[in-house]
């Protein structure tokens, strides 16, 4: 279902209505299309890898069928005990983390197998 304007009602007709134009903008592909789905898929593939090999993947190439989303870098570690991933998208100032198994949480307010993104502050001198 396509998103619609924040006014609570979908556009009802002609292109002259403000909600109509807003909906058209929201339907345009953005830099994060596929990014969050890719994070969820990374978690799924790690769990599948563990079920098949009794260890987590240490490299993305080990995750059968997983495609790294466009403009994304993934730093992945994996052992028999657990895994962590740090994921960055080149077009936004965010860093995402995911983990599973018996490893330290990347951030205190995270749960296993649930990716979470944070603002990434970069200081320039």
C-alpha atoms as a PDB file:
ATOM      1  CA  UNK A   1       0.000   0.000   0.000  1.00  0.00           C
ATOM      2  CA  UNK A   2       1.387   3.400  -0.970  1.00  0.00           C
ATOM      3  CA  UNK A   3       1.798   5.925   1.844  1.00  0.00           C
ATOM      4  CA  UNK A   4      -0.467   8.937   1.836  1.00  0.00           C
ATOM      5  CA  UNK A   5      -0.458  12.408   3.299  1.00  0.00           C
ATOM      6  CA  UNK A   6      -0.240  12.949   7.042  1.00  0.00           C
ATOM      7  CA  UNK A   7      -3.696  14.527   6.993  1.00  0.00           C
ATOM      8  CA  UNK A   8      -5.209  11.126   7.752  1.00  0.00           C
ATOM      9  CA  UNK A   9      -7.082  10.717   4.460  1.00  0.00           C
ATOM     10  CA  UNK A  10      -5.718   9.364   1.202  1.00  0.00           C
ATOM     11  CA  UNK A  11      -5.819  11.671  -1.818  1.00  0.00           C
ATOM     12  CA  UNK A  12      -9.219  11.567  -3.461  1.00  0.00           C
ATOM     13  CA  UNK A  13      -8.635  12.802  -6.927  1.00  0.00           C
ATOM     14  CA  UNK A  14      -6.985  15.420  -9.081  1.00  0.00           C
ATOM     15  CA  UNK A  15      -3.377  16.382  -8.927  1.00  0.00           C
ATOM     16  CA  UNK A  16      -4.301  19.830  -7.592  1.00  0.00           C
ATOM     17  CA  UNK A  17      -4.918  18.617  -4.046  1.00  0.00           C
ATOM     18  CA  UNK A  18      -1.968  19.135  -1.655  1.00  0.00           C
ATOM     19  CA  UNK A  19      -2.262  15.574  -0.289  1.00  0.00           C
ATOM     20  CA  UNK A  20      -1.973  14.182  -3.794  1.00  0.00           C
ATOM     21  CA  UNK A  21       1.382  15.827  -4.394  1.00  0.00           C
ATOM     22  CA  UNK A  22       2.642  14.795  -0.977  1.00  0.00           C
ATOM     23  CA  UNK A  23       1.751  11.150  -1.698  1.00  0.00           C
ATOM     24  CA  UNK A  24       3.571  11.297  -5.033  1.00  0.00           C
ATOM     25  CA  UNK A  25       6.726  12.490  -3.271  1.00  0.00           C
ATOM     26  CA  UNK A  26       6.490   9.674  -0.686  1.00  0.00           C
ATOM     27  CA  UNK A  27       6.142   7.095  -3.475  1.00  0.00           C
ATOM     28  CA  UNK A  28       9.472   8.176  -4.967  1.00  0.00           C
ATOM     29  CA  UNK A  29      12.306   5.741  -4.140  1.00  0.00           C
ATOM     30  CA  UNK A  30      14.635   7.101  -1.478  1.00  0.00           C
ATOM     31  CA  UNK A  31      18.186   6.333  -0.356  1.00  0.00           C
ATOM     32  CA  UNK A  32      17.017   3.930   2.380  1.00  0.00           C
ATOM     33  CA  UNK A  33      14.753   1.758   0.211  1.00  0.00           C
ATOM     34  CA  UNK A  34      15.708  -1.817   1.009  1.00  0.00           C
ATOM     35  CA  UNK A  35      18.115  -0.827   3.797  1.00  0.00           C
ATOM     36  CA  UNK A  36      15.958  -1.745   6.792  1.00  0.00           C
ATOM     37  CA  UNK A  37      14.701  -4.891   5.069  1.00  0.00           C
ATOM     38  CA  UNK A  38      18.357  -5.793   4.508  1.00  0.00           C
ATOM     39  CA  UNK A  39      19.025  -5.529   8.242  1.00  0.00           C
ATOM     40  CA  UNK A  40      16.155  -7.878   9.014  1.00  0.00           C
ATOM     41  CA  UNK A  41      17.366 -10.282   6.340  1.00  0.00           C
ATOM     42  CA  UNK A  42      20.887 -10.224   7.820  1.00  0.00           C
ATOM     43  CA  UNK A  43      19.439 -11.429  11.130  1.00  0.00           C
ATOM     44  CA  UNK A  44      17.446 -14.171   9.359  1.00  0.00           C
ATOM     45  CA  UNK A  45      20.468 -15.368   7.384  1.00  0.00           C
ATOM     46  CA  UNK A  46      22.665 -15.476  10.500  1.00  0.00           C
ATOM     47  CA  UNK A  47      20.096 -17.652  12.272  1.00  0.00           C
ATOM     48  CA  UNK A  48      19.831 -19.950   9.235  1.00  0.00           C
ATOM     49  CA  UNK A  49      23.625 -20.175   9.044  1.00  0.00           C
ATOM     50  CA  UNK A  50      23.820 -21.118  12.719  1.00  0.00           C
ATOM     51  CA  UNK A  51      21.143 -23.793  12.314  1.00  0.00           C
ATOM     52  CA  UNK A  52      23.067 -25.354   9.409  1.00  0.00           C
ATOM     53  CA  UNK A  53      26.662 -24.982  10.697  1.00  0.00           C
ATOM     54  CA  UNK A  54      26.407 -24.618  14.508  1.00  0.00           C
ATOM     55  CA  UNK A  55      28.318 -21.339  14.266  1.00  0.00           C
ATOM     56  CA  UNK A  56      27.532 -17.832  13.081  1.00  0.00           C
ATOM     57  CA  UNK A  57      28.985 -16.407   9.865  1.00  0.00           C
ATOM     58  CA  UNK A  58      32.088 -14.253  10.244  1.00  0.00           C
ATOM     59  CA  UNK A  59      31.832 -12.863   6.701  1.00  0.00           C
ATOM     60  CA  UNK A  60      28.873 -11.672   4.669  1.00  0.00           C
ATOM     61  CA  UNK A  61      29.877 -14.026   1.829  1.00  0.00           C
ATOM     62  CA  UNK A  62      29.067 -16.991   4.107  1.00  0.00           C
ATOM     63  CA  UNK A  63      25.398 -15.967   4.325  1.00  0.00           C
ATOM     64  CA  UNK A  64      23.711 -17.904   1.527  1.00  0.00           C
ATOM     65  CA  UNK A  65      21.556 -15.700  -0.668  1.00  0.00           C
ATOM     66  CA  UNK A  66      22.217 -12.484   1.254  1.00  0.00           C
ATOM     67  CA  UNK A  67      22.767  -9.393  -0.871  1.00  0.00           C
ATOM     68  CA  UNK A  68      24.260  -6.311   0.752  1.00  0.00           C
ATOM     69  CA  UNK A  69      21.841  -3.413   0.146  1.00  0.00           C
ATOM     70  CA  UNK A  70      23.075  -0.711  -2.235  1.00  0.00           C
ATOM     71  CA  UNK A  71      25.334   1.980  -0.670  1.00  0.00           C
ATOM     72  CA  UNK A  72      25.744  -0.142   2.477  1.00  0.00           C
ATOM     73  CA  UNK A  73      28.811  -1.423   4.307  1.00  0.00           C
ATOM     74  CA  UNK A  74      28.649  -4.206   6.890  1.00  0.00           C
ATOM     75  CA  UNK A  75      31.316  -5.021   9.472  1.00  0.00           C
ATOM     76  CA  UNK A  76      30.479  -8.544  10.607  1.00  0.00           C
ATOM     77  CA  UNK A  77      31.975 -10.802  13.263  1.00  0.00           C
ATOM     78  CA  UNK A  78      30.776 -14.277  14.082  1.00  0.00           C
ATOM     79  CA  UNK A  79      31.779 -17.257  16.196  1.00  0.00           C
ATOM     80  CA  UNK A  80      30.108 -20.361  17.581  1.00  0.00           C
ATOM     81  CA  UNK A  81      28.876 -18.213  20.501  1.00  0.00           C
ATOM     82  CA  UNK A  82      27.333 -15.249  18.682  1.00  0.00           C
ATOM     83  CA  UNK A  83      27.663 -12.468  16.136  1.00  0.00           C
ATOM     84  CA  UNK A  84      27.642  -8.695  15.792  1.00  0.00           C
ATOM     85  CA  UNK A  85      27.206  -6.406  12.812  1.00  0.00           C
ATOM     86  CA  UNK A  86      27.783  -2.694  12.344  1.00  0.00           C
ATOM     87  CA  UNK A  87      25.965  -1.410   9.286  1.00  0.00           C
ATOM     88  CA  UNK A  88      26.338   1.979   7.624  1.00  0.00           C
ATOM     89  CA  UNK A  89      24.533   3.538   4.687  1.00  0.00           C
ATOM     90  CA  UNK A  90      26.661   5.923   2.612  1.00  0.00           C
ATOM     91  CA  UNK A  91      23.855   8.438   2.083  1.00  0.00           C
ATOM     92  CA  UNK A  92      22.692   9.011   5.665  1.00  0.00           C
ATOM     93  CA  UNK A  93      24.314   9.917   8.985  1.00  0.00           C
ATOM     94  CA  UNK A  94      23.209   6.713  10.750  1.00  0.00           C
ATOM     95  CA  UNK A  95      24.912   3.599  12.052  1.00  0.00           C
ATOM     96  CA  UNK A  96      22.952   0.430  12.758  1.00  0.00           C
ATOM     97  CA  UNK A  97      23.853  -2.498  14.939  1.00  0.00           C
ATOM     98  CA  UNK A  98      22.557  -6.027  15.191  1.00  0.00           C
ATOM     99  CA  UNK A  99      23.665  -9.008  17.219  1.00  0.00           C
ATOM    100  CA  UNK A 100      22.646 -12.476  18.242  1.00  0.00           C
ATOM    101  CA  UNK A 101      23.752 -15.331  20.444  1.00  0.00           C
ATOM    102  CA  UNK A 102      25.867 -14.979  23.554  1.00  0.00           C
ATOM    103  CA  UNK A 103      27.864 -11.808  22.856  1.00  0.00           C
ATOM    104  CA  UNK A 104      27.954  -8.375  24.443  1.00  0.00           C
ATOM    105  CA  UNK A 105      25.238  -5.978  23.314  1.00  0.00           C
ATOM    106  CA  UNK A 106      26.547  -3.240  21.008  1.00  0.00           C
ATOM    107  CA  UNK A 107      24.320  -0.798  22.994  1.00  0.00           C
ATOM    108  CA  UNK A 108      22.590  -1.260  26.335  1.00  0.00           C
ATOM    109  CA  UNK A 109      19.073  -0.703  24.986  1.00  0.00           C
ATOM    110  CA  UNK A 110      19.229  -3.426  22.323  1.00  0.00           C
ATOM    111  CA  UNK A 111      17.723  -6.903  22.149  1.00  0.00           C
ATOM    112  CA  UNK A 112      19.191  -9.870  20.250  1.00  0.00           C
ATOM    113  CA  UNK A 113      18.075 -10.318  16.633  1.00  0.00           C
ATOM    114  CA  UNK A 114      16.582  -6.799  16.600  1.00  0.00           C
ATOM    115  CA  UNK A 115      18.595  -4.278  14.551  1.00  0.00           C
ATOM    116  CA  UNK A 116      18.670  -0.737  15.893  1.00  0.00           C
ATOM    117  CA  UNK A 117      19.942   2.451  14.270  1.00  0.00           C
ATOM    118  CA  UNK A 118      21.505   5.520  15.864  1.00  0.00           C
ATOM    119  CA  UNK A 119      22.628   8.932  14.667  1.00  0.00           C
ATOM    120  CA  UNK A 120      26.316   8.982  13.904  1.00  0.00           C
ATOM    121  CA  UNK A 121      27.967  12.242  14.851  1.00  0.00           C
ATOM    122  CA  UNK A 122      31.083  13.031  12.898  1.00  0.00           C
ATOM    123  CA  UNK A 123      33.293  15.907  13.962  1.00  0.00           C
ATOM    124  CA  UNK A 124      35.343  17.735  11.379  1.00  0.00           C
ATOM    125  CA  UNK A 125      38.378  19.811  12.219  1.00  0.00           C
END
